[in-house]
Structures are given as structure tokens and as C-alpha cells.
Amino acid sequence: MEVAVIADELTSVGWELAGARVFLATAENVESCFRTAQEEADFILITAQLASLLPQAMLQPALHAFPPLTLVMADLSGRQEPPDLALEARRALGVLP
């Protein structure tokens, strides 16, 4: 299974050691990195901050498609958290805590 991680340098270090293909993305190249990962990987992880830089028309279909499985994760610095999917599901169902 090919794992791709689109992240900042600090977050990507551990993933690289674990054998993932790492894309060090910036605001300027995140779309290109994401497209390449979609073509080559079975599983994509992208930090929330970088995911927020992608056009919604690119990100949303990828989050619902399979393969590749695409997930948004927090970065090590905690600058931006991914969406709380459980909370969003409860809201959609009308069941709030």
C-alpha cells in the first residue's frame, strides 16, 4: 500500500521514517502535490492547514472517493485542527450533545 503524506516539514519527518511518500507542500504547490498523490497513492493524509488551501471543488470529492482514501489530519504544531466528523454527523442527523 502506497501512503502519501502532504504536510509541513516538521509533521512529515515521522511519516517519512515510517516509509510514507512525503510531499513538502506550500501554498504555491499544494494543488500539484495533491494531484500527484491522488495518482500514485492508495492512502493520502494531508494536514488541515494545507487542506484549507485546496479549492473545495478539489478537496470535497477526494474526501468522499475511494481509492485513494483521503483524510485530513492535524499537524504537529497544532495550528489548525481537522473538522470534527462525529460532530458534523450528529448535526446532520439532528442529534446534538
C-alpha atoms as a PDB file:
ATOM      1  CA  MET A   1       0.000   0.000   0.000  1.00  0.00           C
ATOM      2  CA  GLU A   2       1.406   3.360  -1.042  1.00  0.00           C
ATOM      3  CA  VAL A   3       0.894   6.039   1.631  1.00  0.00           C
ATOM      4  CA  ALA A   4       1.321   9.716   0.754  1.00  0.00           C
ATOM      5  CA  VAL A   5       1.555  12.468   3.340  1.00  0.00           C
ATOM      6  CA  ILE A   6       1.143  16.106   2.326  1.00  0.00           C
ATOM      7  CA  ALA A   7       2.481  18.154   5.190  1.00  0.00           C
ATOM      8  CA  ASP A   8       4.891  20.727   6.515  1.00  0.00           C
ATOM      9  CA  GLU A   9       8.486  19.701   7.209  1.00  0.00           C
ATOM     10  CA  LEU A  10       8.076  19.044  10.940  1.00  0.00           C
ATOM     11  CA  THR A  11       4.936  16.926  10.594  1.00  0.00           C
ATOM     12  CA  SER A  12       6.339  14.904   7.714  1.00  0.00           C
ATOM     13  CA  VAL A  13       9.523  13.708   9.461  1.00  0.00           C
ATOM     14  CA  GLY A  14       7.924  10.807  11.316  1.00  0.00           C
ATOM     15  CA  TRP A  15       5.882   9.765   8.320  1.00  0.00           C
ATOM     16  CA  GLU A  16       8.976   9.656   6.145  1.00  0.00           C
ATOM     17  CA  LEU A  17      10.694   7.421   8.692  1.00  0.00           C
ATOM     18  CA  ALA A  18       7.635   5.151   8.610  1.00  0.00           C
ATOM     19  CA  GLY A  19       8.029   4.735   4.854  1.00  0.00           C
ATOM     20  CA  ALA A  20       5.380   7.117   3.544  1.00  0.00           C
ATOM     21  CA  ARG A  21       5.965   9.184   0.455  1.00  0.00           C
ATOM     22  CA  VAL A  22       6.179  12.731   1.733  1.00  0.00           C
ATOM     23  CA  PHE A  23       5.197  15.857  -0.153  1.00  0.00           C
ATOM     24  CA  LEU A  24       6.514  19.028   1.490  1.00  0.00           C
ATOM     25  CA  ALA A  25       3.778  21.331   0.351  1.00  0.00           C
ATOM     26  CA  THR A  26       3.479  25.091   0.363  1.00  0.00           C
ATOM     27  CA  ALA A  27       0.620  27.388  -0.620  1.00  0.00           C
ATOM     28  CA  GLU A  28       2.142  27.565  -4.093  1.00  0.00           C
ATOM     29  CA  ASN A  29       2.451  23.831  -4.782  1.00  0.00           C
ATOM     30  CA  VAL A  30      -0.195  22.117  -2.617  1.00  0.00           C
ATOM     31  CA  GLU A  31      -2.567  21.532  -5.545  1.00  0.00           C
ATOM     32  CA  SER A  32       0.174  19.904  -7.602  1.00  0.00           C
ATOM     33  CA  CYS A  33       1.261  17.746  -4.652  1.00  0.00           C
ATOM     34  CA  PHE A  34      -2.322  16.674  -4.057  1.00  0.00           C
ATOM     35  CA  ARG A  35      -2.892  15.715  -7.708  1.00  0.00           C
ATOM     36  CA  THR A  36       0.325  13.675  -7.772  1.00  0.00           C
ATOM     37  CA  ALA A  37      -0.603  11.906  -4.540  1.00  0.00           C
ATOM     38  CA  GLN A  38      -4.040  11.063  -5.959  1.00  0.00           C
ATOM     39  CA  GLU A  39      -2.414   9.469  -8.994  1.00  0.00           C
ATOM     40  CA  GLU A  40       0.199   7.473  -7.090  1.00  0.00           C
ATOM     41  CA  ALA A  41      -1.080   6.623  -3.608  1.00  0.00           C
ATOM     42  CA  ASP A  42      -3.655   4.294  -2.073  1.00  0.00           C
ATOM     43  CA  PHE A  43      -3.934   6.385   1.103  1.00  0.00           C
ATOM     44  CA  ILE A  44      -3.430  10.165   1.423  1.00  0.00           C
ATOM     45  CA  LEU A  45      -3.017  12.164   4.615  1.00  0.00           C
ATOM     46  CA  ILE A  46      -2.977  15.956   4.360  1.00  0.00           C
ATOM     47  CA  THR A  47      -2.651  18.439   7.194  1.00  0.00           C
ATOM     48  CA  ALA A  48      -5.673  20.610   7.936  1.00  0.00           C
ATOM     49  CA  GLN A  49      -3.767  23.785   7.186  1.00  0.00           C
ATOM     50  CA  LEU A  50      -2.711  22.585   3.726  1.00  0.00           C
ATOM     51  CA  ALA A  51      -6.151  21.090   3.048  1.00  0.00           C
ATOM     52  CA  SER A  52      -7.666  24.527   3.701  1.00  0.00           C
ATOM     53  CA  LEU A  53      -5.575  25.891   0.824  1.00  0.00           C
ATOM     54  CA  LEU A  54      -7.092  23.458  -1.680  1.00  0.00           C
ATOM     55  CA  PRO A  55     -10.159  24.502  -3.642  1.00  0.00           C
ATOM     56  CA  GLN A  56     -13.264  22.877  -2.147  1.00  0.00           C
ATOM     57  CA  ALA A  57     -14.097  21.530  -5.609  1.00  0.00           C
ATOM     58  CA  MET A  58     -10.872  19.518  -5.410  1.00  0.00           C
ATOM     59  CA  LEU A  59     -10.886  18.507  -1.743  1.00  0.00           C
ATOM     60  CA  GLN A  60     -14.516  17.528  -1.115  1.00  0.00           C
ATOM     61  CA  PRO A  61     -14.814  14.902  -3.880  1.00  0.00           C
ATOM     62  CA  ALA A  62     -11.484  13.409  -2.771  1.00  0.00           C
ATOM     63  CA  LEU A  63     -12.720  13.037   0.812  1.00  0.00           C
ATOM     64  CA  HIS A  64     -15.716  11.036  -0.420  1.00  0.00           C
ATOM     65  CA  ALA A  65     -13.942   8.975  -3.074  1.00  0.00           C
ATOM     66  CA  PHE A  66     -12.153   5.671  -2.717  1.00  0.00           C
ATOM     67  CA  PRO A  67      -9.476   4.878  -3.769  1.00  0.00           C
ATOM     68  CA  PRO A  68      -7.434   6.636  -2.698  1.00  0.00           C
ATOM     69  CA  LEU A  69      -8.679   7.060   0.834  1.00  0.00           C
ATOM     70  CA  THR A  70      -8.032  10.691   1.771  1.00  0.00           C
ATOM     71  CA  LEU A  71      -8.022  12.015   5.330  1.00  0.00           C
ATOM     72  CA  VAL A  72      -7.321  15.424   6.852  1.00  0.00           C
ATOM     73  CA  MET A  73      -5.126  15.399   9.969  1.00  0.00           C
ATOM     74  CA  ALA A  74      -3.720  17.893  12.449  1.00  0.00           C
ATOM     75  CA  ASP A  75      -0.114  18.965  12.098  1.00  0.00           C
ATOM     76  CA  LEU A  76       2.395  18.632  14.920  1.00  0.00           C
ATOM     77  CA  SER A  77       2.300  22.321  15.768  1.00  0.00           C
ATOM     78  CA  GLY A  78      -1.478  22.238  16.253  1.00  0.00           C
ATOM     79  CA  ARG A  79      -2.015  25.329  14.091  1.00  0.00           C
ATOM     80  CA  GLN A  80      -5.268  24.070  12.607  1.00  0.00           C
ATOM     81  CA  GLU A  81      -7.399  21.092  13.586  1.00  0.00           C
ATOM     82  CA  PRO A  82      -9.274  18.951  11.067  1.00  0.00           C
ATOM     83  CA  PRO A  83     -13.071  19.065  11.119  1.00  0.00           C
ATOM     84  CA  ASP A  84     -14.837  17.048  13.826  1.00  0.00           C
ATOM     85  CA  LEU A  85     -16.609  14.492  11.633  1.00  0.00           C
ATOM     86  CA  ALA A  86     -18.571  12.983  14.528  1.00  0.00           C
ATOM     87  CA  LEU A  87     -19.991  16.411  15.410  1.00  0.00           C
ATOM     88  CA  GLU A  88     -20.843  17.109  11.779  1.00  0.00           C
ATOM     89  CA  ALA A  89     -22.633  13.749  11.516  1.00  0.00           C
ATOM     90  CA  ARG A  90     -24.649  14.437  14.688  1.00  0.00           C
ATOM     91  CA  ARG A  91     -25.655  17.848  13.335  1.00  0.00           C
ATOM     92  CA  ALA A  92     -26.695  16.329  10.015  1.00  0.00           C
ATOM     93  CA  LEU A  93     -28.846  13.783  11.862  1.00  0.00           C
ATOM     94  CA  GLY A  94     -30.269  16.414  14.189  1.00  0.00           C
ATOM     95  CA  VAL A  95     -28.738  14.759  17.248  1.00  0.00           C
ATOM     96  CA  LEU A  96     -26.688  17.275  19.188  1.00  0.00           C
ATOM     97  CA  PRO A  97     -24.939  16.655  22.516  1.00  0.00           C
END
